[in-house]
Amino acid sequence: MKKLLRSWSVGGLATLVLTGVGLLAPLSAEALPEDQIVDKLQQVPVFLILNSEGQPLTAAASADAAEVKVPVVFLDGETAQEFLEQAQQEDANAQVALVDLGTLFQETQSQETGPAPVMYFPEEDELTAAATIQDDFRGVPLFFARRGEDGPYLTITQDGVSSLPMFFSRQDLQTLITRYTQENPGEARAIAIEVLSLEWLLAAMATSDDPQLDEQLQRIRLFPSSEVLQYLRSQQQEQSTRPATSSQR
């Protein structure tokens, strides 16, 4: 597979100054094995903007009191398309590249100069939803639920395996909660929604030395936004109809 992040030059498409986004700094230690981390992440689609040379869009970020230029990773395709329109003013051949989060994680960990930082650009509505749960929330939100403020986490069971679901979409979590409370009406008022950042989760997976936390991390299952999946389906349908449309002309 072509290395999407083979170049980290600051001479990419453009350099942006962004706020309210999460920077994932290099990770060196390892708690969960990399293959387990990748397995959890590979179902999550993310988007990059690449120029004609395959270099990613970069943004200015602060790390260890120094300003660095890091690749921008978008969590939804529509936002990536908006930035693409700006990028194409400088490079007409710029394009949006789709990659799964697991592959991206592997790429950033395997750079010759060491693990490379990236900046995640959250979906605006989800960031707003996260701020209603946790003031001044920063990063890419992951929503999950528990029964009561200090109660057990709301889990799902599939093929006999219990997992802790975390959602990139607040509404997708609500769908799960609604189904749960319909089956357990007496617990409707006891459900509490919490949020943590993707950046924190990735760091914890890679560096935690807490056995209790590691056990919880093992159980986490990430669910990409249903809107993002619908966007991908619509893009695939559009691409599949283009040859037929052009052949009719």
Protein backbone atom coordinates (compact mmCIF):
# COMPACT_ATOMS: atom_id res chain seq x y z
CA MET A 1 0.00 0.00 0.00
CA LYS A 2 1.30 3.43 -0.93
CA LYS A 3 2.73 5.34 2.02
CA LEU A 4 0.30 8.21 2.50
CA LEU A 5 2.49 9.93 5.05
CA ARG A 6 5.88 9.33 3.49
CA SER A 7 6.74 13.04 3.55
CA TRP A 8 6.49 15.41 6.50
CA SER A 9 7.85 18.47 4.75
CA VAL A 10 6.39 21.82 5.74
CA GLY A 11 6.08 22.60 2.06
CA GLY A 12 2.77 20.82 1.70
CA LEU A 13 -0.42 22.28 0.33
CA ALA A 14 -0.78 24.97 2.94
CA THR A 15 0.00 25.79 6.53
CA LEU A 16 -2.94 26.53 8.81
CA VAL A 17 -3.30 27.79 12.35
CA LEU A 18 -6.12 25.81 13.96
CA THR A 19 -7.73 25.92 17.39
CA GLY A 20 -10.04 23.48 19.14
CA VAL A 21 -8.40 20.49 17.54
CA GLY A 22 -6.36 17.74 19.11
CA LEU A 23 -2.65 17.16 18.61
CA LEU A 24 -1.40 13.65 19.17
CA ALA A 25 2.26 13.88 20.13
CA PRO A 26 4.74 11.08 19.41
CA LEU A 27 4.24 7.91 21.44
CA SER A 28 7.20 5.77 22.40
CA ALA A 29 6.20 3.31 25.12
CA GLU A 30 3.70 0.58 24.32
CA ALA A 31 0.92 -0.81 26.54
CA LEU A 32 -1.30 -2.71 24.12
CA PRO A 33 0.51 -4.53 21.30
CA GLU A 34 0.46 -2.52 18.09
CA ASP A 35 -1.52 -5.16 16.21
CA GLN A 36 -4.28 -4.97 18.82
CA ILE A 37 -4.38 -1.18 18.60
CA VAL A 38 -4.52 -1.33 14.80
CA ASP A 39 -7.31 -3.90 14.95
CA LYS A 40 -9.41 -1.53 17.06
CA LEU A 41 -8.72 1.42 14.78
CA GLN A 42 -8.96 -0.04 11.29
CA GLN A 43 -12.77 0.18 11.12
CA VAL A 44 -12.62 3.98 11.50
CA PRO A 45 -12.32 5.96 8.24
CA VAL A 46 -10.38 9.23 8.26
CA PHE A 47 -9.49 11.70 5.53
CA LEU A 48 -6.31 13.45 4.43
CA ILE A 49 -5.75 16.15 1.83
CA LEU A 50 -2.77 15.31 -0.36
CA ASN A 51 -1.08 17.47 -2.98
CA SER A 52 0.11 16.24 -6.36
CA GLU A 53 3.30 14.90 -4.73
CA GLY A 54 1.43 12.96 -2.05
CA GLN A 55 2.29 15.36 0.75
CA PRO A 56 -0.43 16.01 3.34
CA LEU A 57 -1.98 19.31 4.32
CA THR A 58 -0.18 20.60 7.41
CA ALA A 59 -1.09 22.90 10.27
CA ALA A 60 0.88 24.86 12.84
CA ALA A 61 0.75 23.40 16.35
CA SER A 62 2.58 23.83 19.62
CA ALA A 63 4.50 20.90 21.05
CA ASP A 64 7.01 21.14 23.92
CA ALA A 65 6.97 24.95 23.71
CA ALA A 66 7.94 24.84 20.03
CA GLU A 67 5.87 25.38 16.91
CA VAL A 68 5.75 22.41 14.57
CA LYS A 69 4.00 21.65 11.29
CA VAL A 70 1.91 18.50 11.44
CA PRO A 71 -0.43 16.69 9.02
CA VAL A 72 -4.13 17.39 9.45
CA VAL A 73 -6.45 14.38 9.71
CA PHE A 74 -10.17 14.97 9.17
CA LEU A 75 -12.81 12.83 10.85
CA ASP A 76 -15.50 13.59 8.25
CA GLY A 77 -15.36 13.80 4.49
CA GLU A 78 -17.51 16.90 4.10
CA THR A 79 -15.12 19.03 6.14
CA ALA A 80 -12.20 17.59 4.19
CA GLN A 81 -13.95 18.57 0.94
CA GLU A 82 -14.34 22.14 2.18
CA PHE A 83 -10.62 22.38 2.89
CA LEU A 84 -9.89 20.70 -0.45
CA GLU A 85 -11.53 23.57 -2.31
CA GLN A 86 -9.09 25.96 -0.63
CA ALA A 87 -6.13 23.66 -1.28
CA GLN A 88 -6.97 23.35 -4.98
CA GLN A 89 -6.50 27.09 -5.36
CA GLU A 90 -2.78 26.39 -4.82
CA ASP A 91 -2.61 22.91 -6.33
CA ALA A 92 -5.29 21.90 -8.82
CA ASN A 93 -4.33 18.25 -8.42
CA ALA A 94 -4.89 18.17 -4.67
CA GLN A 95 -7.28 15.46 -3.59
CA VAL A 96 -8.91 13.89 -0.55
CA ALA A 97 -7.45 10.53 0.42
CA LEU A 98 -9.37 7.99 2.46
CA VAL A 99 -7.43 5.82 4.91
CA ASP A 100 -8.41 3.82 7.94
CA LEU A 101 -7.25 5.01 11.34
CA GLY A 102 -5.33 1.79 11.95
CA THR A 103 -3.17 2.28 8.86
CA LEU A 104 -2.61 5.91 9.81
CA PHE A 105 -1.50 4.87 13.30
CA GLN A 106 0.98 2.38 11.84
CA GLU A 107 2.34 4.98 9.42
CA THR A 108 2.92 7.55 12.15
CA GLN A 109 4.65 4.99 14.36
CA SER A 110 6.99 3.73 11.63
CA GLN A 111 8.63 6.98 10.51
CA GLU A 112 12.43 6.73 10.23
CA THR A 113 12.89 9.71 12.54
CA GLY A 114 10.56 8.26 15.17
CA PRO A 115 6.81 8.42 15.81
CA ALA A 116 5.32 11.48 14.11
CA PRO A 117 2.64 13.77 15.58
CA VAL A 118 -0.61 14.42 13.75
CA MET A 119 -3.46 16.87 14.28
CA TYR A 120 -7.01 15.57 14.28
CA PHE A 121 -9.74 17.90 13.05
CA PRO A 122 -13.04 16.99 14.78
CA GLU A 123 -16.49 17.28 13.28
CA GLU A 124 -17.92 20.59 14.50
CA ASP A 125 -21.32 19.35 15.68
CA GLU A 126 -19.74 16.54 17.69
CA LEU A 127 -17.33 18.98 19.31
CA THR A 128 -20.29 21.16 20.28
CA ALA A 129 -22.06 18.13 21.75
CA ALA A 130 -18.95 17.23 23.73
CA ALA A 131 -18.75 20.75 25.17
CA THR A 132 -22.22 20.32 26.68
CA ILE A 133 -20.88 17.35 28.64
CA GLN A 134 -17.41 18.64 29.50
CA ASP A 135 -16.62 22.36 29.46
CA ASP A 136 -13.72 23.46 27.25
CA PHE A 137 -13.46 20.01 25.69
CA ARG A 138 -10.69 19.75 23.10
CA GLY A 139 -9.87 17.02 20.64
CA VAL A 140 -11.95 14.45 18.80
CA PRO A 141 -14.84 13.38 21.05
CA LEU A 142 -15.67 9.77 21.80
CA PHE A 143 -19.03 9.30 23.52
CA PHE A 144 -19.91 6.45 25.85
CA ALA A 145 -22.41 5.76 28.61
CA ARG A 146 -22.61 4.26 32.05
CA ARG A 147 -25.39 3.32 34.43
CA GLY A 148 -25.26 6.11 36.97
CA GLU A 149 -22.48 8.58 37.65
CA ASP A 150 -20.17 5.92 39.10
CA GLY A 151 -21.93 2.82 37.81
CA PRO A 152 -20.78 0.21 35.29
CA TYR A 153 -20.26 1.16 31.67
CA LEU A 154 -22.97 0.39 29.16
CA THR A 155 -21.67 -2.55 27.14
CA ILE A 156 -22.77 -4.59 24.15
CA THR A 157 -22.39 -8.30 23.50
CA GLN A 158 -21.76 -9.79 20.07
CA ASP A 159 -20.90 -13.42 19.38
CA GLY A 160 -20.58 -13.95 23.11
CA VAL A 161 -17.97 -11.19 23.49
CA SER A 162 -18.74 -8.17 25.68
CA SER A 163 -17.26 -4.82 24.65
CA LEU A 164 -17.38 -1.18 25.71
CA PRO A 165 -18.70 0.82 22.74
CA MET A 166 -17.40 4.32 22.11
CA PHE A 167 -19.01 6.41 19.41
CA PHE A 168 -17.67 9.22 17.26
CA SER A 169 -21.29 10.41 17.01
CA ARG A 170 -23.33 11.56 20.00
CA GLN A 171 -26.53 10.67 18.14
CA ASP A 172 -25.31 7.13 17.43
CA LEU A 173 -24.76 6.64 21.16
CA GLN A 174 -28.25 7.96 21.81
CA THR A 175 -29.64 5.30 19.48
CA LEU A 176 -27.98 2.63 21.60
CA ILE A 177 -29.24 4.22 24.82
CA THR A 178 -32.78 4.40 23.47
CA ARG A 179 -32.72 0.72 22.60
CA TYR A 180 -31.30 -0.14 26.02
CA THR A 181 -33.89 1.89 27.95
CA GLN A 182 -36.71 0.37 25.91
CA GLU A 183 -35.53 -3.03 27.11
CA ASN A 184 -34.79 -1.72 30.63
CA PRO A 185 -37.32 1.10 31.26
CA GLY A 186 -36.52 1.30 34.95
CA GLU A 187 -32.97 2.48 34.22
CA ALA A 188 -33.81 5.29 31.79
CA ARG A 189 -33.00 8.07 34.26
CA ALA A 190 -29.82 6.40 35.47
CA ILE A 191 -27.92 6.58 32.18
CA ALA A 192 -25.05 9.09 32.19
CA ILE A 193 -23.23 10.12 29.01
CA GLU A 194 -19.50 10.77 29.20
CA VAL A 195 -16.88 11.86 26.71
CA LEU A 196 -13.14 11.50 26.27
CA SER A 197 -10.83 12.44 23.43
CA LEU A 198 -9.50 10.14 20.73
CA GLU A 199 -6.08 11.64 21.35
CA TRP A 200 -6.18 10.58 25.01
CA LEU A 201 -7.36 7.10 24.08
CA LEU A 202 -4.57 6.55 21.55
CA ALA A 203 -1.98 7.75 24.04
CA ALA A 204 -3.40 5.49 26.75
CA MET A 205 -3.41 2.46 24.46
CA ALA A 206 0.20 3.05 23.53
CA THR A 207 1.70 4.04 26.89
CA SER A 208 -0.46 2.86 29.81
CA ASP A 209 1.23 0.75 32.47
CA ASP A 210 -1.91 0.45 34.61
CA PRO A 211 -3.22 -3.15 34.45
CA GLN A 212 -6.74 -2.08 35.40
CA LEU A 213 -6.83 0.56 32.68
CA ASP A 214 -5.30 -1.85 30.18
CA GLU A 215 -8.12 -4.30 30.87
CA GLN A 216 -10.68 -1.59 30.06
CA LEU A 217 -8.79 -0.56 26.94
CA GLN A 218 -8.88 -4.14 25.72
CA ARG A 219 -12.69 -4.06 25.83
CA ILE A 220 -13.17 -0.81 23.90
CA ARG A 221 -14.79 -1.00 20.48
CA LEU A 222 -14.89 2.12 18.31
CA PHE A 223 -17.92 2.92 16.17
CA PRO A 224 -17.43 5.41 13.31
CA SER A 225 -20.11 8.01 12.74
CA SER A 226 -23.09 6.68 10.80
CA GLU A 227 -23.17 9.99 8.90
CA VAL A 228 -19.57 9.47 7.77
CA LEU A 229 -20.40 5.94 6.63
CA GLN A 230 -23.40 7.29 4.74
CA TYR A 231 -21.16 9.92 3.13
CA LEU A 232 -18.79 7.18 1.96
CA ARG A 233 -21.66 5.15 0.54
CA SER A 234 -22.96 8.18 -1.35
CA GLN A 235 -19.49 8.85 -2.76
CA GLN A 236 -19.17 5.24 -3.90
CA GLN A 237 -22.59 5.37 -5.55
CA GLU A 238 -21.69 8.62 -7.30
CA GLN A 239 -18.44 7.17 -8.61
CA SER A 240 -20.15 3.99 -9.79
CA THR A 241 -22.63 5.99 -11.89
CA ARG A 242 -20.06 8.23 -13.58
CA PRO A 243 -18.98 5.75 -16.32
CA ALA A 244 -22.59 5.02 -17.26
CA THR A 245 -23.39 8.73 -17.36
CA SER A 246 -20.40 9.58 -19.54
CA SER A 247 -21.16 6.71 -21.93
CA GLN A 248 -24.58 8.19 -22.63
CA ARG A 249 -23.12 11.43 -23.90
